Amino acid sequence: MIDTLLGGESLTWLVTLFALVVVWVPFYRGLKLSFQAWSATRRMERGELRSALQQGNHDDVEPLALLLLRILRKSLQTADAEEHPPDMIFDAGRQYVMNEYDLYYTRLITMFASLLPPIGFIGTTVGMLILFVSMHQANASLELSALAVALTSSIFALIGFAILEGLKIHLYRRLLLCLREVQSLFEDTEAGRGREAGAKPAAGRRAAPAPA
């Protein structure tokens, strides 16, 4: 009955559009999260980090490099900060930021990406079932639409899956680079504090009296 209302080409385009819409929903959600993660993992220069730390962040998505710097400043200002090595404090803060990134971005992007192959497989299965019915009824237009469902759903789903997984790998690399900038700033700051701490006792030390 459907093929009498729509021609074979129109039915094929309609089915293809439906398959694209079904695949587009999880792909769009994963893509939106990827753009947010792109903003969160942007690399900030030292001057920008210091300025944002003093003035506050005005972006919709707080950069993770700035979040790590805030954690380090708060941790080093606590009363028991001197009891722990600076490297341990940095590693703990870095692990916390990476866990936050994994919780709010990596896992969700993976979830939406993982939905795409099953959706494509369901579309392929439905298309094959329609194809068997069309072969039994010798209906050329229905057979063409069945092939459209079987092929386009799988193609769109696999392309979307590959894009999201590729973005996830690239975003993890961006995360490491932005955290490395904070690590470099932290190490230079600690080295400067160490030189100041060593210079103060030396400046306050009295010269030994000359031997008689």
N, C-alpha and C. Protein backbone atom coordinates (compact mmCIF):
# COMPACT_ATOMS: atom_id res chain seq x y z
N MET A 1 0.82 -1.21 0.00
CA MET A 1 0.00 0.00 0.00
C MET A 1 0.86 1.26 0.00
N ILE A 2 2.01 1.17 0.72
CA ILE A 2 2.89 2.33 0.82
C ILE A 2 3.47 2.68 -0.54
N ASP A 3 3.86 1.62 -1.30
CA ASP A 3 4.50 1.88 -2.59
C ASP A 3 3.52 2.43 -3.61
N THR A 4 2.21 2.28 -3.37
CA THR A 4 1.23 2.89 -4.28
C THR A 4 1.09 4.39 -4.03
N LEU A 5 1.35 4.81 -2.78
CA LEU A 5 1.28 6.23 -2.45
C LEU A 5 2.57 6.96 -2.79
N LEU A 6 3.68 6.27 -2.64
CA LEU A 6 4.97 6.86 -2.91
C LEU A 6 5.69 6.05 -3.96
N GLY A 7 6.41 6.73 -4.82
CA GLY A 7 7.23 6.03 -5.80
C GLY A 7 8.41 5.38 -5.13
N GLY A 8 9.12 4.52 -5.85
CA GLY A 8 10.26 3.83 -5.28
C GLY A 8 11.37 4.79 -4.87
N GLU A 9 11.62 5.81 -5.69
CA GLU A 9 12.67 6.78 -5.35
C GLU A 9 12.29 7.62 -4.15
N SER A 10 11.03 8.05 -4.09
CA SER A 10 10.59 8.87 -2.94
C SER A 10 10.62 8.06 -1.66
N LEU A 11 10.21 6.81 -1.74
CA LEU A 11 10.22 5.96 -0.56
C LEU A 11 11.65 5.71 -0.09
N THR A 12 12.57 5.56 -1.02
CA THR A 12 13.97 5.34 -0.67
C THR A 12 14.55 6.55 0.04
N TRP A 13 14.25 7.74 -0.49
CA TRP A 13 14.75 8.95 0.15
C TRP A 13 14.11 9.16 1.52
N LEU A 14 12.87 8.81 1.67
CA LEU A 14 12.20 8.96 2.96
C LEU A 14 12.80 8.03 4.01
N VAL A 15 13.05 6.80 3.61
CA VAL A 15 13.64 5.83 4.53
C VAL A 15 15.06 6.23 4.89
N THR A 16 15.81 6.72 3.91
CA THR A 16 17.19 7.16 4.15
C THR A 16 17.21 8.33 5.13
N LEU A 17 16.28 9.27 4.95
CA LEU A 17 16.20 10.40 5.86
C LEU A 17 15.84 9.96 7.26
N PHE A 18 14.95 9.00 7.39
CA PHE A 18 14.57 8.48 8.71
C PHE A 18 15.78 7.83 9.39
N ALA A 19 16.55 7.05 8.64
CA ALA A 19 17.74 6.41 9.21
C ALA A 19 18.76 7.45 9.65
N LEU A 20 18.90 8.52 8.88
CA LEU A 20 19.83 9.58 9.24
C LEU A 20 19.40 10.28 10.52
N VAL A 21 18.11 10.53 10.67
CA VAL A 21 17.60 11.19 11.88
C VAL A 21 17.83 10.34 13.11
N VAL A 22 17.58 9.04 12.98
CA VAL A 22 17.76 8.14 14.12
C VAL A 22 19.22 8.11 14.56
N VAL A 23 20.12 8.07 13.61
CA VAL A 23 21.55 8.05 13.94
C VAL A 23 22.02 9.40 14.45
N TRP A 24 21.41 10.47 13.96
CA TRP A 24 21.86 11.82 14.28
C TRP A 24 21.67 12.17 15.76
N VAL A 25 20.68 11.61 16.41
CA VAL A 25 20.37 11.99 17.80
C VAL A 25 21.53 11.67 18.74
N PRO A 26 22.01 10.42 18.84
CA PRO A 26 23.16 10.18 19.72
C PRO A 26 24.45 10.80 19.19
N PHE A 27 24.58 10.88 17.86
CA PHE A 27 25.79 11.49 17.30
C PHE A 27 25.86 12.97 17.67
N TYR A 28 24.74 13.67 17.62
CA TYR A 28 24.71 15.09 17.97
C TYR A 28 25.04 15.29 19.44
N ARG A 29 24.50 14.44 20.31
CA ARG A 29 24.79 14.57 21.74
C ARG A 29 26.28 14.33 22.02
N GLY A 30 26.84 13.33 21.38
CA GLY A 30 28.26 13.08 21.56
C GLY A 30 29.11 14.19 20.98
N LEU A 31 28.69 14.74 19.84
CA LEU A 31 29.43 15.83 19.21
C LEU A 31 29.37 17.10 20.07
N LYS A 32 28.24 17.36 20.67
CA LYS A 32 28.09 18.53 21.54
C LYS A 32 29.01 18.41 22.76
N LEU A 33 29.07 17.23 23.35
CA LEU A 33 29.98 17.01 24.47
C LEU A 33 31.43 17.15 24.04
N SER A 34 31.73 16.72 22.83
CA SER A 34 33.11 16.83 22.33
C SER A 34 33.53 18.29 22.19
N PHE A 35 32.62 19.14 21.74
CA PHE A 35 32.93 20.57 21.63
C PHE A 35 33.12 21.20 23.01
N GLN A 36 32.34 20.76 23.98
CA GLN A 36 32.53 21.25 25.34
C GLN A 36 33.87 20.79 25.91
N ALA A 37 34.22 19.53 25.64
CA ALA A 37 35.51 19.03 26.09
C ALA A 37 36.66 19.74 25.39
N TRP A 38 36.43 20.16 24.14
CA TRP A 38 37.45 20.91 23.41
C TRP A 38 37.74 22.24 24.11
N SER A 39 36.68 22.89 24.59
CA SER A 39 36.86 24.15 25.33
C SER A 39 37.51 23.90 26.68
N ALA A 40 37.15 22.80 27.32
CA ALA A 40 37.69 22.51 28.65
C ALA A 40 39.17 22.14 28.61
N THR A 41 39.63 21.58 27.50
CA THR A 41 41.02 21.13 27.40
C THR A 41 41.89 22.11 26.63
N ARG A 42 41.44 23.33 26.47
CA ARG A 42 42.26 24.29 25.73
C ARG A 42 43.49 24.65 26.55
N ARG A 43 44.56 24.88 25.84
CA ARG A 43 45.84 25.18 26.48
C ARG A 43 45.91 26.67 26.81
N MET A 44 46.30 27.00 28.03
CA MET A 44 46.39 28.39 28.48
C MET A 44 47.84 28.72 28.79
N GLU A 45 48.29 29.88 28.33
CA GLU A 45 49.64 30.33 28.62
C GLU A 45 49.74 30.76 30.09
N ARG A 46 50.96 30.93 30.56
CA ARG A 46 51.17 31.23 31.97
C ARG A 46 50.53 32.56 32.37
N GLY A 47 50.70 33.56 31.52
CA GLY A 47 50.09 34.85 31.84
C GLY A 47 48.58 34.77 31.89
N GLU A 48 47.99 34.00 30.98
CA GLU A 48 46.55 33.82 30.97
C GLU A 48 46.07 33.06 32.19
N LEU A 49 46.86 32.08 32.61
CA LEU A 49 46.50 31.31 33.80
C LEU A 49 46.52 32.19 35.05
N ARG A 50 47.56 33.00 35.19
CA ARG A 50 47.65 33.87 36.35
C ARG A 50 46.53 34.90 36.35
N SER A 51 46.23 35.46 35.19
CA SER A 51 45.17 36.45 35.10
C SER A 51 43.81 35.85 35.42
N ALA A 52 43.54 34.66 34.87
CA ALA A 52 42.25 34.00 35.14
C ALA A 52 42.14 33.57 36.59
N LEU A 53 43.28 33.23 37.21
CA LEU A 53 43.25 32.82 38.61
C LEU A 53 42.92 33.99 39.51
N GLN A 54 43.39 35.19 39.14
CA GLN A 54 43.13 36.37 39.96
C GLN A 54 41.75 36.96 39.69
N GLN A 55 41.38 37.04 38.42
CA GLN A 55 40.14 37.71 38.05
C GLN A 55 38.94 36.79 37.99
N GLY A 56 39.17 35.48 37.89
CA GLY A 56 38.07 34.53 37.76
C GLY A 56 37.82 34.17 36.31
N ASN A 57 37.16 33.07 36.12
CA ASN A 57 36.87 32.58 34.78
C ASN A 57 35.48 33.04 34.34
N HIS A 58 35.40 33.58 33.11
CA HIS A 58 34.14 34.07 32.58
C HIS A 58 33.62 33.22 31.43
N ASP A 59 34.26 32.11 31.15
CA ASP A 59 33.82 31.22 30.07
C ASP A 59 32.69 30.33 30.56
N ASP A 60 31.91 29.82 29.61
CA ASP A 60 30.83 28.90 29.95
C ASP A 60 31.39 27.58 30.49
N VAL A 61 32.49 27.12 29.92
CA VAL A 61 33.15 25.89 30.34
C VAL A 61 34.50 26.25 30.94
N GLU A 62 34.72 25.92 32.20
CA GLU A 62 35.99 26.26 32.85
C GLU A 62 37.11 25.38 32.31
N PRO A 63 38.22 25.97 31.87
CA PRO A 63 39.35 25.15 31.41
C PRO A 63 39.88 24.28 32.54
N LEU A 64 40.23 23.06 32.21
CA LEU A 64 40.72 22.14 33.23
C LEU A 64 42.09 22.56 33.76
N ALA A 65 42.87 23.26 32.94
CA ALA A 65 44.15 23.76 33.42
C ALA A 65 43.94 24.76 34.56
N LEU A 66 42.94 25.62 34.43
CA LEU A 66 42.63 26.58 35.49
C LEU A 66 42.07 25.89 36.72
N LEU A 67 41.27 24.85 36.52
CA LEU A 67 40.74 24.07 37.64
C LEU A 67 41.87 23.44 38.44
N LEU A 68 42.86 22.86 37.75
CA LEU A 68 44.00 22.25 38.43
C LEU A 68 44.79 23.30 39.20
N LEU A 69 44.96 24.47 38.62
CA LEU A 69 45.70 25.53 39.30
C LEU A 69 44.97 25.99 40.55
N ARG A 70 43.64 26.06 40.49
CA ARG A 70 42.87 26.43 41.68
C ARG A 70 43.03 25.38 42.78
N ILE A 71 43.01 24.12 42.39
CA ILE A 71 43.16 23.04 43.37
C ILE A 71 44.53 23.09 44.03
N LEU A 72 45.56 23.35 43.23
CA LEU A 72 46.92 23.41 43.77
C LEU A 72 47.08 24.59 44.73
N ARG A 73 46.53 25.73 44.37
CA ARG A 73 46.65 26.90 45.25
C ARG A 73 45.92 26.66 46.57
N LYS A 74 44.73 26.06 46.50
CA LYS A 74 43.98 25.79 47.72
C LYS A 74 44.68 24.74 48.58
N SER A 75 45.26 23.72 47.94
CA SER A 75 45.93 22.66 48.69
C SER A 75 47.20 23.16 49.35
N LEU A 76 47.93 24.03 48.68
CA LEU A 76 49.18 24.53 49.24
C LEU A 76 48.96 25.56 50.33
N GLN A 77 47.76 26.11 50.44
CA GLN A 77 47.47 27.09 51.48
C GLN A 77 46.91 26.46 52.76
N THR A 78 46.70 25.16 52.75
CA THR A 78 46.20 24.48 53.95
C THR A 78 47.30 24.38 55.00
N ALA A 79 46.87 24.13 56.22
CA ALA A 79 47.83 24.10 57.33
C ALA A 79 48.79 22.92 57.24
N ASP A 80 48.32 21.78 56.74
CA ASP A 80 49.16 20.58 56.69
C ASP A 80 49.82 20.39 55.33
N ALA A 81 49.92 21.46 54.54
CA ALA A 81 50.51 21.32 53.20
C ALA A 81 52.00 20.99 53.28
N GLU A 82 52.69 21.50 54.33
CA GLU A 82 54.12 21.26 54.45
C GLU A 82 54.43 19.82 54.81
N GLU A 83 53.45 19.07 55.26
CA GLU A 83 53.68 17.68 55.63
C GLU A 83 53.76 16.76 54.41
N HIS A 84 53.31 17.23 53.25
CA HIS A 84 53.29 16.41 52.05
C HIS A 84 54.21 17.02 51.00
N PRO A 85 54.93 16.18 50.27
CA PRO A 85 55.81 16.69 49.21
C PRO A 85 54.99 17.39 48.12
N PRO A 86 55.55 18.44 47.52
CA PRO A 86 54.81 19.14 46.46
C PRO A 86 54.43 18.24 45.28
N ASP A 87 55.30 17.28 44.96
CA ASP A 87 55.00 16.37 43.86
C ASP A 87 53.75 15.53 44.15
N MET A 88 53.61 15.13 45.40
CA MET A 88 52.43 14.36 45.79
C MET A 88 51.17 15.21 45.68
N ILE A 89 51.26 16.47 46.06
CA ILE A 89 50.10 17.37 45.97
C ILE A 89 49.71 17.57 44.51
N PHE A 90 50.72 17.76 43.65
CA PHE A 90 50.42 17.96 42.24
C PHE A 90 49.80 16.70 41.63
N ASP A 91 50.36 15.53 41.93
CA ASP A 91 49.82 14.28 41.38
C ASP A 91 48.39 14.04 41.82
N ALA A 92 48.08 14.37 43.08
CA ALA A 92 46.71 14.20 43.57
C ALA A 92 45.75 15.15 42.85
N GLY A 93 46.16 16.40 42.67
CA GLY A 93 45.32 17.35 41.95
C GLY A 93 45.14 16.97 40.50
N ARG A 94 46.21 16.53 39.88
CA ARG A 94 46.15 16.13 38.47
C ARG A 94 45.22 14.93 38.29
N GLN A 95 45.29 13.96 39.21
CA GLN A 95 44.42 12.80 39.13
C GLN A 95 42.96 13.19 39.34
N TYR A 96 42.72 14.14 40.22
CA TYR A 96 41.35 14.61 40.44
C TYR A 96 40.78 15.24 39.18
N VAL A 97 41.57 16.08 38.50
CA VAL A 97 41.11 16.74 37.28
C VAL A 97 40.86 15.71 36.18
N MET A 98 41.72 14.73 36.06
CA MET A 98 41.54 13.69 35.04
C MET A 98 40.30 12.85 35.33
N ASN A 99 40.03 12.61 36.60
CA ASN A 99 38.81 11.88 36.96
C ASN A 99 37.56 12.70 36.63
N GLU A 100 37.63 14.00 36.86
CA GLU A 100 36.50 14.86 36.50
C GLU A 100 36.28 14.86 34.99
N TYR A 101 37.36 14.92 34.24
CA TYR A 101 37.24 14.89 32.77
C TYR A 101 36.65 13.56 32.31
N ASP A 102 37.09 12.49 32.92
CA ASP A 102 36.58 11.17 32.54
C ASP A 102 35.11 11.03 32.89
N LEU A 103 34.70 11.61 34.01
CA LEU A 103 33.31 11.49 34.47
C LEU A 103 32.35 12.30 33.60
N TYR A 104 32.73 13.53 33.26
CA TYR A 104 31.80 14.43 32.58
C TYR A 104 31.95 14.44 31.07
N TYR A 105 33.02 13.88 30.54
CA TYR A 105 33.22 13.93 29.10
C TYR A 105 33.49 12.55 28.49
N THR A 106 34.56 11.90 28.92
CA THR A 106 34.97 10.66 28.26
C THR A 106 33.89 9.59 28.33
N ARG A 107 33.34 9.36 29.49
CA ARG A 107 32.35 8.30 29.64
C ARG A 107 31.08 8.60 28.84
N LEU A 108 30.65 9.86 28.85
CA LEU A 108 29.43 10.21 28.12
C LEU A 108 29.64 10.14 26.61
N ILE A 109 30.79 10.60 26.14
CA ILE A 109 31.08 10.50 24.70
C ILE A 109 31.15 9.04 24.29
N THR A 110 31.77 8.21 25.11
CA THR A 110 31.85 6.78 24.82
C THR A 110 30.46 6.15 24.80
N MET A 111 29.59 6.59 25.71
CA MET A 111 28.24 6.03 25.75
C MET A 111 27.47 6.34 24.46
N PHE A 112 27.52 7.60 24.02
CA PHE A 112 26.81 7.96 22.79
C PHE A 112 27.44 7.31 21.56
N ALA A 113 28.76 7.21 21.56
CA ALA A 113 29.43 6.54 20.43
C ALA A 113 29.06 5.06 20.39
N SER A 114 28.95 4.44 21.56
CA SER A 114 28.63 3.01 21.61
C SER A 114 27.19 2.71 21.20
N LEU A 115 26.33 3.74 21.26
CA LEU A 115 24.94 3.54 20.83
C LEU A 115 24.82 3.43 19.31
N LEU A 116 25.76 4.01 18.58
CA LEU A 116 25.63 4.10 17.13
C LEU A 116 25.72 2.74 16.43
N PRO A 117 26.70 1.88 16.72
CA PRO A 117 26.73 0.57 16.03
C PRO A 117 25.48 -0.27 16.24
N PRO A 118 24.92 -0.37 17.48
CA PRO A 118 23.66 -1.12 17.62
C PRO A 118 22.52 -0.52 16.82
N ILE A 119 22.45 0.82 16.76
CA ILE A 119 21.40 1.45 15.95
C ILE A 119 21.57 1.09 14.49
N GLY A 120 22.80 1.13 14.00
CA GLY A 120 23.06 0.74 12.62
C GLY A 120 22.72 -0.71 12.37
N PHE A 121 23.03 -1.57 13.35
CA PHE A 121 22.72 -3.00 13.19
C PHE A 121 21.21 -3.24 13.18
N ILE A 122 20.48 -2.50 14.03
CA ILE A 122 19.02 -2.64 14.03
C ILE A 122 18.46 -2.21 12.68
N GLY A 123 18.97 -1.09 12.16
CA GLY A 123 18.51 -0.64 10.85
C GLY A 123 18.81 -1.64 9.76
N THR A 124 19.99 -2.26 9.82
CA THR A 124 20.34 -3.29 8.83
C THR A 124 19.41 -4.49 8.93
N THR A 125 19.12 -4.92 10.16
CA THR A 125 18.23 -6.07 10.36
C THR A 125 16.82 -5.77 9.85
N VAL A 126 16.32 -4.57 10.17
CA VAL A 126 14.99 -4.21 9.69
C VAL A 126 14.97 -4.13 8.16
N GLY A 127 16.04 -3.57 7.61
CA GLY A 127 16.11 -3.49 6.15
C GLY A 127 16.15 -4.85 5.49
N MET A 128 16.85 -5.80 6.09
CA MET A 128 16.91 -7.15 5.52
C MET A 128 15.56 -7.85 5.62
N LEU A 129 14.84 -7.61 6.73
CA LEU A 129 13.51 -8.21 6.86
C LEU A 129 12.56 -7.66 5.79
N ILE A 130 12.63 -6.33 5.58
CA ILE A 130 11.78 -5.73 4.54
C ILE A 130 12.19 -6.26 3.16
N LEU A 131 13.48 -6.48 2.97
CA LEU A 131 13.96 -6.99 1.69
C LEU A 131 13.42 -8.39 1.41
N PHE A 132 13.39 -9.23 2.43
CA PHE A 132 12.85 -10.58 2.25
C PHE A 132 11.36 -10.52 1.89
N VAL A 133 10.62 -9.61 2.55
CA VAL A 133 9.20 -9.47 2.24
C VAL A 133 9.01 -8.98 0.81
N SER A 134 9.83 -8.00 0.40
CA SER A 134 9.71 -7.45 -0.95
C SER A 134 10.07 -8.49 -2.02
N MET A 135 11.03 -9.34 -1.71
CA MET A 135 11.40 -10.41 -2.66
C MET A 135 10.26 -11.42 -2.79
N HIS A 136 9.59 -11.65 -1.65
CA HIS A 136 8.47 -12.60 -1.69
C HIS A 136 7.30 -12.03 -2.48
N GLN A 137 7.10 -10.70 -2.39
CA GLN A 137 5.99 -10.06 -3.09
C GLN A 137 6.39 -9.54 -4.47
N ALA A 138 7.66 -9.67 -4.82
CA ALA A 138 8.17 -9.16 -6.10
C ALA A 138 7.87 -7.68 -6.26
N ASN A 139 8.17 -6.93 -5.18
CA ASN A 139 7.90 -5.49 -5.16
C ASN A 139 9.23 -4.76 -5.28
N ALA A 140 9.49 -4.15 -6.43
CA ALA A 140 10.79 -3.52 -6.68
C ALA A 140 11.00 -2.28 -5.83
N SER A 141 9.96 -1.44 -5.67
CA SER A 141 10.11 -0.22 -4.89
C SER A 141 10.35 -0.52 -3.42
N LEU A 142 9.67 -1.52 -2.88
CA LEU A 142 9.87 -1.91 -1.50
C LEU A 142 11.25 -2.53 -1.31
N GLU A 143 11.72 -3.25 -2.29
CA GLU A 143 13.06 -3.84 -2.23
C GLU A 143 14.12 -2.74 -2.21
N LEU A 144 13.91 -1.70 -2.99
CA LEU A 144 14.85 -0.59 -3.03
C LEU A 144 14.90 0.16 -1.70
N SER A 145 13.75 0.38 -1.09
CA SER A 145 13.71 1.05 0.20
C SER A 145 14.33 0.19 1.30
N ALA A 146 14.16 -1.13 1.19
CA ALA A 146 14.77 -2.03 2.17
C ALA A 146 16.28 -1.96 2.10
N LEU A 147 16.83 -1.92 0.90
CA LEU A 147 18.28 -1.77 0.74
C LEU A 147 18.75 -0.42 1.28
N ALA A 148 17.93 0.61 1.10
CA ALA A 148 18.29 1.92 1.64
C ALA A 148 18.39 1.89 3.16
N VAL A 149 17.43 1.23 3.81
CA VAL A 149 17.47 1.12 5.27
C VAL A 149 18.70 0.33 5.71
N ALA A 150 18.95 -0.79 5.05
CA ALA A 150 20.04 -1.67 5.47
C ALA A 150 21.40 -1.01 5.30
N LEU A 151 21.58 -0.25 4.22
CA LEU A 151 22.90 0.32 3.94
C LEU A 151 23.12 1.66 4.64
N THR A 152 22.17 2.56 4.52
CA THR A 152 22.39 3.90 5.05
C THR A 152 22.48 3.93 6.58
N SER A 153 21.69 3.13 7.25
CA SER A 153 21.76 3.12 8.72
C SER A 153 23.13 2.66 9.19
N SER A 154 23.66 1.62 8.55
CA SER A 154 24.98 1.11 8.95
C SER A 154 26.08 2.11 8.60
N ILE A 155 26.00 2.71 7.43
CA ILE A 155 27.03 3.66 7.01
C ILE A 155 27.04 4.89 7.91
N PHE A 156 25.88 5.46 8.15
CA PHE A 156 25.81 6.64 9.01
C PHE A 156 26.28 6.33 10.43
N ALA A 157 25.87 5.18 10.94
CA ALA A 157 26.23 4.82 12.31
C ALA A 157 27.74 4.60 12.44
N LEU A 158 28.34 3.92 11.48
CA LEU A 158 29.77 3.66 11.55
C LEU A 158 30.59 4.93 11.37
N ILE A 159 30.15 5.81 10.49
CA ILE A 159 30.86 7.08 10.32
C ILE A 159 30.78 7.91 11.60
N GLY A 160 29.58 7.99 12.19
CA GLY A 160 29.43 8.73 13.45
C GLY A 160 30.27 8.13 14.57
N PHE A 161 30.31 6.81 14.65
CA PHE A 161 31.11 6.14 15.67
C PHE A 161 32.59 6.46 15.50
N ALA A 162 33.08 6.40 14.27
CA ALA A 162 34.50 6.68 14.00
C ALA A 162 34.84 8.13 14.34
N ILE A 163 33.95 9.07 14.03
CA ILE A 163 34.20 10.48 14.33
C ILE A 163 34.29 10.72 15.83
N LEU A 164 33.35 10.18 16.59
CA LEU A 164 33.36 10.39 18.04
C LEU A 164 34.56 9.74 18.71
N GLU A 165 34.91 8.54 18.26
CA GLU A 165 36.07 7.87 18.85
C GLU A 165 37.36 8.60 18.49
N GLY A 166 37.45 9.12 17.27
CA GLY A 166 38.62 9.89 16.89
C GLY A 166 38.74 11.18 17.69
N LEU A 167 37.61 11.86 17.89
CA LEU A 167 37.61 13.07 18.71
C LEU A 167 38.00 12.76 20.15
N LYS A 168 37.56 11.65 20.67
CA LYS A 168 37.88 11.30 22.05
C LYS A 168 39.38 11.10 22.24
N ILE A 169 40.02 10.45 21.29
CA ILE A 169 41.48 10.26 21.36
C ILE A 169 42.21 11.59 21.28
N HIS A 170 41.78 12.44 20.36
CA HIS A 170 42.43 13.75 20.22
C HIS A 170 42.20 14.62 21.44
N LEU A 171 41.03 14.55 22.04
CA LEU A 171 40.74 15.35 23.23
C LEU A 171 41.58 14.90 24.42
N TYR A 172 41.85 13.62 24.52
CA TYR A 172 42.71 13.15 25.61
C TYR A 172 44.13 13.69 25.45
N ARG A 173 44.59 13.78 24.23
CA ARG A 173 45.91 14.37 23.97
C ARG A 173 45.92 15.85 24.35
N ARG A 174 44.85 16.57 24.03
CA ARG A 174 44.74 17.97 24.42
C ARG A 174 44.73 18.12 25.95
N LEU A 175 44.07 17.19 26.64
CA LEU A 175 44.03 17.22 28.10
C LEU A 175 45.44 17.11 28.69
N LEU A 176 46.23 16.18 28.17
CA LEU A 176 47.59 16.01 28.68
C LEU A 176 48.44 17.25 28.42
N LEU A 177 48.26 17.87 27.26
CA LEU A 177 49.04 19.06 26.93
C LEU A 177 48.68 20.24 27.82
N CYS A 178 47.40 20.43 28.10
CA CYS A 178 47.00 21.57 28.94
C CYS A 178 47.43 21.35 30.39
N LEU A 179 47.43 20.11 30.86
CA LEU A 179 47.89 19.84 32.22
C LEU A 179 49.41 19.93 32.32
N ARG A 180 50.11 19.64 31.23
CA ARG A 180 51.56 19.74 31.23
C ARG A 180 52.02 21.19 31.40
N GLU A 181 51.25 22.13 30.85
CA GLU A 181 51.58 23.55 31.02
C GLU A 181 51.47 23.95 32.49
N VAL A 182 50.45 23.45 33.17
CA VAL A 182 50.29 23.74 34.59
C VAL A 182 51.42 23.10 35.39
N GLN A 183 51.82 21.89 35.01
CA GLN A 183 52.92 21.22 35.69
C GLN A 183 54.22 22.00 35.56
N SER A 184 54.47 22.53 34.37
CA SER A 184 55.68 23.33 34.17
C SER A 184 55.65 24.58 35.03
N LEU A 185 54.50 25.25 35.08
CA LEU A 185 54.36 26.44 35.92
C LEU A 185 54.53 26.09 37.39
N PHE A 186 53.97 24.98 37.82
CA PHE A 186 54.06 24.56 39.22
C PHE A 186 55.50 24.23 39.60
N GLU A 187 56.22 23.54 38.73
CA GLU A 187 57.61 23.18 39.02
C GLU A 187 58.50 24.41 39.10
N ASP A 188 58.28 25.37 38.20
CA ASP A 188 59.08 26.60 38.24
C ASP A 188 58.78 27.40 39.50
N THR A 189 57.53 27.43 39.92
CA THR A 189 57.16 28.16 41.13
C THR A 189 57.78 27.52 42.37
N GLU A 190 57.74 26.20 42.43
CA GLU A 190 58.34 25.51 43.57
C GLU A 190 59.85 25.66 43.59
N ALA A 191 60.47 25.67 42.40
CA ALA A 191 61.91 25.89 42.35
C ALA A 191 62.27 27.29 42.84
N GLY A 192 61.45 28.29 42.47
CA GLY A 192 61.69 29.64 42.96
C GLY A 192 61.53 29.75 44.46
N ARG A 193 60.55 29.06 45.01
CA ARG A 193 60.37 29.06 46.47
C ARG A 193 61.56 28.40 47.16
N GLY A 194 62.08 27.33 46.54
CA GLY A 194 63.23 26.66 47.13
C GLY A 194 64.45 27.56 47.15
N ARG A 195 64.67 28.33 46.08
CA ARG A 195 65.81 29.24 46.05
C ARG A 195 65.65 30.36 47.07
N GLU A 196 64.41 30.87 47.24
CA GLU A 196 64.18 31.92 48.23
C GLU A 196 64.39 31.39 49.65
N ALA A 197 63.94 30.15 49.90
CA ALA A 197 64.10 29.57 51.23
C ALA A 197 65.57 29.33 51.54
N GLY A 198 66.37 28.99 50.53
CA GLY A 198 67.80 28.78 50.75
C GLY A 198 68.56 30.08 50.87
N ALA A 199 68.03 31.15 50.26
CA ALA A 199 68.74 32.42 50.31
C ALA A 199 68.52 33.14 51.63
N LYS A 200 67.38 32.96 52.27
CA LYS A 200 67.09 33.67 53.51
C LYS A 200 68.03 33.28 54.65
N PRO A 201 68.27 31.99 54.92
CA PRO A 201 69.21 31.66 55.99
C PRO A 201 70.61 32.16 55.68
N ALA A 202 70.99 32.13 54.40
CA ALA A 202 72.33 32.57 54.04
C ALA A 202 72.49 34.06 54.28
N ALA A 203 71.44 34.85 53.99
CA ALA A 203 71.51 36.29 54.19
C ALA A 203 71.53 36.64 55.68
N GLY A 204 70.84 35.84 56.47
CA GLY A 204 70.78 36.15 57.89
C GLY A 204 71.92 35.56 58.70
N ARG A 205 72.79 34.77 58.07
CA ARG A 205 73.89 34.14 58.78
C ARG A 205 75.01 35.15 59.00
N ARG A 206 75.54 35.26 60.22
CA ARG A 206 76.64 36.17 60.52
C ARG A 206 77.96 35.59 60.05
N ALA A 207 78.88 36.50 59.67
CA ALA A 207 80.19 36.03 59.24
C ALA A 207 80.97 35.54 60.43
N ALA A 208 81.73 34.47 60.25
CA ALA A 208 82.52 33.91 61.35
C ALA A 208 83.69 34.83 61.66
N PRO A 209 84.03 35.02 62.91
CA PRO A 209 85.16 35.89 63.25
C PRO A 209 86.47 35.35 62.71
N ALA A 210 87.33 36.25 62.32
CA ALA A 210 88.63 35.84 61.77
C ALA A 210 89.48 35.25 62.87
N PRO A 211 90.25 34.25 62.56
CA PRO A 211 91.11 33.65 63.59
C PRO A 211 92.15 34.66 64.10
N ALA A 212 92.47 34.59 65.37
CA ALA A 212 93.42 35.53 65.95
C ALA A 212 94.83 35.24 65.46
